[in-house]
Amino acid sequence: MLLSYNTAVKKFMHYWTKENRGAFQLPATAKEICEFCFWAGQNDETQTPQEVTAKTVEKYIFGIQAWHKYHSKRYPTESKTRVGVILRALAKVDAQIPKQQPKAAVHLHHLAYLASALNTGDGKDEAAQDLAITAL
């Protein structure tokens, strides 16, 4: 749980530095939190590296709330309604963007090739071969 909160804070600080806003001090304003949601969420017009799904943005918001609570700062509760509307809009955009194709399954001929490639007599290769056979 703490790791996801730290991820939210890192993402917020990444947003802050990318937008050239200078030094950040808690508490964040409602406007800043809403702008962060727009920045981090997916956009149906352009793709940027920081974009994540609405569900992930929601998790980031929970992390930012915990960040405020941890530092005994007041989270701007007036942003909750607006953030909720933004999250619903982001979820609609998520639904319109085509999903990525799942990766192809590993087949038996892949395992056979891997086993023959790792059959060198080296101890590390044998360990990797045993691990691959056990895993698949």
Protein backbone atom coordinates (compact mmCIF):
# COMPACT_ATOMS: atom_id res chain seq x y z
CA MET A 1 0.00 0.00 0.00
CA LEU A 2 2.77 2.41 0.94
CA LEU A 3 4.54 1.72 -2.35
CA SER A 4 1.48 2.77 -4.35
CA TYR A 5 1.20 5.97 -2.29
CA ASN A 6 4.85 6.73 -3.00
CA THR A 7 4.20 6.12 -6.69
CA ALA A 8 1.36 8.64 -6.57
CA VAL A 9 3.60 11.25 -4.96
CA LYS A 10 6.38 10.58 -7.50
CA LYS A 11 3.91 10.92 -10.36
CA PHE A 12 2.55 14.18 -8.91
CA MET A 13 6.07 15.57 -8.50
CA HIS A 14 6.91 14.47 -12.05
CA TYR A 15 3.87 16.40 -13.24
CA TRP A 16 4.94 19.39 -11.15
CA THR A 17 8.44 19.52 -12.63
CA LYS A 18 7.24 18.85 -16.20
CA GLU A 19 4.90 21.82 -15.93
CA ASN A 20 7.80 24.03 -14.67
CA ARG A 21 5.99 25.17 -11.58
CA GLY A 22 9.02 25.69 -9.34
CA ALA A 23 9.24 24.44 -5.77
CA PHE A 24 6.21 22.59 -4.44
CA GLN A 25 4.84 22.94 -0.94
CA LEU A 26 1.92 21.11 0.62
CA PRO A 27 -1.00 21.49 0.59
CA ALA A 28 -1.87 21.21 -3.07
CA THR A 29 -4.76 23.34 -4.23
CA ALA A 30 -7.94 21.93 -5.75
CA LYS A 31 -6.96 23.43 -9.10
CA GLU A 32 -3.54 21.74 -9.02
CA ILE A 33 -5.08 18.36 -8.22
CA CYS A 34 -7.60 18.67 -11.06
CA GLU A 35 -4.87 19.71 -13.49
CA PHE A 36 -2.84 16.69 -12.38
CA CYS A 37 -5.80 14.42 -13.18
CA PHE A 38 -6.04 15.88 -16.69
CA TRP A 39 -2.29 15.58 -17.17
CA ALA A 40 -2.06 11.96 -16.01
CA GLY A 41 -5.25 10.67 -17.65
CA GLN A 42 -5.56 9.32 -21.17
CA ASN A 43 -6.51 11.62 -23.98
CA ASP A 44 -8.28 10.36 -27.09
CA GLU A 45 -6.49 12.88 -29.32
CA THR A 46 -2.83 12.39 -28.44
CA GLN A 47 -0.79 9.74 -26.67
CA THR A 48 1.84 10.81 -24.15
CA PRO A 49 4.13 8.65 -21.99
CA GLN A 50 2.63 9.73 -18.66
CA GLU A 51 -0.92 8.69 -19.52
CA VAL A 52 -2.55 6.09 -17.30
CA THR A 53 -6.09 4.76 -16.95
CA ALA A 54 -8.79 6.47 -14.91
CA LYS A 55 -8.53 3.72 -12.29
CA THR A 56 -4.83 4.46 -11.83
CA VAL A 57 -5.48 8.21 -11.59
CA GLU A 58 -8.03 7.43 -8.88
CA LYS A 59 -5.37 5.45 -6.98
CA TYR A 60 -2.99 8.40 -7.38
CA ILE A 61 -5.60 10.71 -5.85
CA PHE A 62 -5.90 8.39 -2.84
CA GLY A 63 -2.11 8.46 -2.54
CA ILE A 64 -2.07 12.26 -2.66
CA GLN A 65 -4.74 12.34 0.05
CA ALA A 66 -2.61 10.04 2.22
CA TRP A 67 0.42 12.26 1.51
CA HIS A 68 -1.48 15.27 2.84
CA LYS A 69 -2.69 13.30 5.87
CA TYR A 70 0.83 12.02 6.63
CA HIS A 71 2.22 15.56 6.64
CA SER A 72 -0.73 16.89 8.69
CA LYS A 73 -1.88 19.12 5.84
CA ARG A 74 -5.47 19.68 4.80
CA TYR A 75 -6.45 18.00 1.53
CA PRO A 76 -8.67 20.35 -0.49
CA THR A 77 -12.03 18.58 -0.08
CA GLU A 78 -13.64 21.02 -2.49
CA SER A 79 -11.83 19.18 -5.27
CA LYS A 80 -13.54 15.83 -4.59
CA THR A 81 -16.65 16.52 -6.67
CA ARG A 82 -14.70 17.92 -9.59
CA VAL A 83 -12.15 15.10 -9.44
CA GLY A 84 -15.03 12.60 -9.49
CA VAL A 85 -16.40 14.18 -12.67
CA ILE A 86 -12.92 14.19 -14.23
CA LEU A 87 -12.43 10.51 -13.35
CA ARG A 88 -15.76 9.59 -14.98
CA ALA A 89 -14.76 11.52 -18.11
CA LEU A 90 -11.37 9.80 -18.15
CA ALA A 91 -13.09 6.41 -17.81
CA LYS A 92 -15.17 7.20 -20.92
CA VAL A 93 -11.99 8.07 -22.82
CA ASP A 94 -10.41 4.82 -21.59
CA ALA A 95 -13.36 2.89 -23.02
CA GLN A 96 -12.90 4.53 -26.44
CA ILE A 97 -9.17 3.82 -26.71
CA PRO A 98 -8.48 0.36 -28.17
CA LYS A 99 -6.95 -2.11 -25.76
CA GLN A 100 -3.45 -3.37 -26.38
CA GLN A 101 -3.22 -6.80 -27.94
CA PRO A 102 -2.28 -9.44 -25.37
CA LYS A 103 1.10 -11.03 -25.80
CA ALA A 104 1.17 -14.37 -27.55
CA ALA A 105 1.43 -17.49 -25.43
CA VAL A 106 4.69 -19.37 -25.06
CA HIS A 107 4.40 -22.63 -27.00
CA LEU A 108 6.12 -25.95 -26.63
CA HIS A 109 8.47 -25.29 -29.56
CA HIS A 110 9.67 -22.14 -27.76
CA LEU A 111 10.48 -24.25 -24.71
CA ALA A 112 12.28 -26.84 -26.85
CA TYR A 113 14.42 -24.12 -28.47
CA LEU A 114 15.21 -22.58 -25.08
CA ALA A 115 16.14 -25.97 -23.62
CA SER A 116 18.51 -26.74 -26.51
CA ALA A 117 20.07 -23.26 -26.34
CA LEU A 118 20.67 -23.63 -22.61
CA ASN A 119 22.09 -27.17 -22.90
CA THR A 120 25.72 -26.01 -22.73
CA GLY A 121 26.87 -27.82 -19.62
CA ASP A 122 27.34 -24.55 -17.74
CA GLY A 123 25.84 -24.59 -14.25
CA LYS A 124 24.05 -21.27 -14.68
CA ASP A 125 22.56 -22.34 -18.00
CA GLU A 126 21.38 -25.62 -16.48
CA ALA A 127 19.74 -23.73 -13.62
CA ALA A 128 18.02 -21.38 -16.08
CA GLN A 129 16.91 -24.39 -18.15
CA ASP A 130 15.46 -26.13 -15.08
CA LEU A 131 13.68 -22.94 -14.08
CA ALA A 132 12.20 -22.48 -17.56
CA ILE A 133 11.00 -26.07 -17.73
CA THR A 134 9.45 -25.84 -14.28
CA ALA A 135 7.79 -22.49 -14.97
CA LEU A 136 6.26 -23.54 -18.27
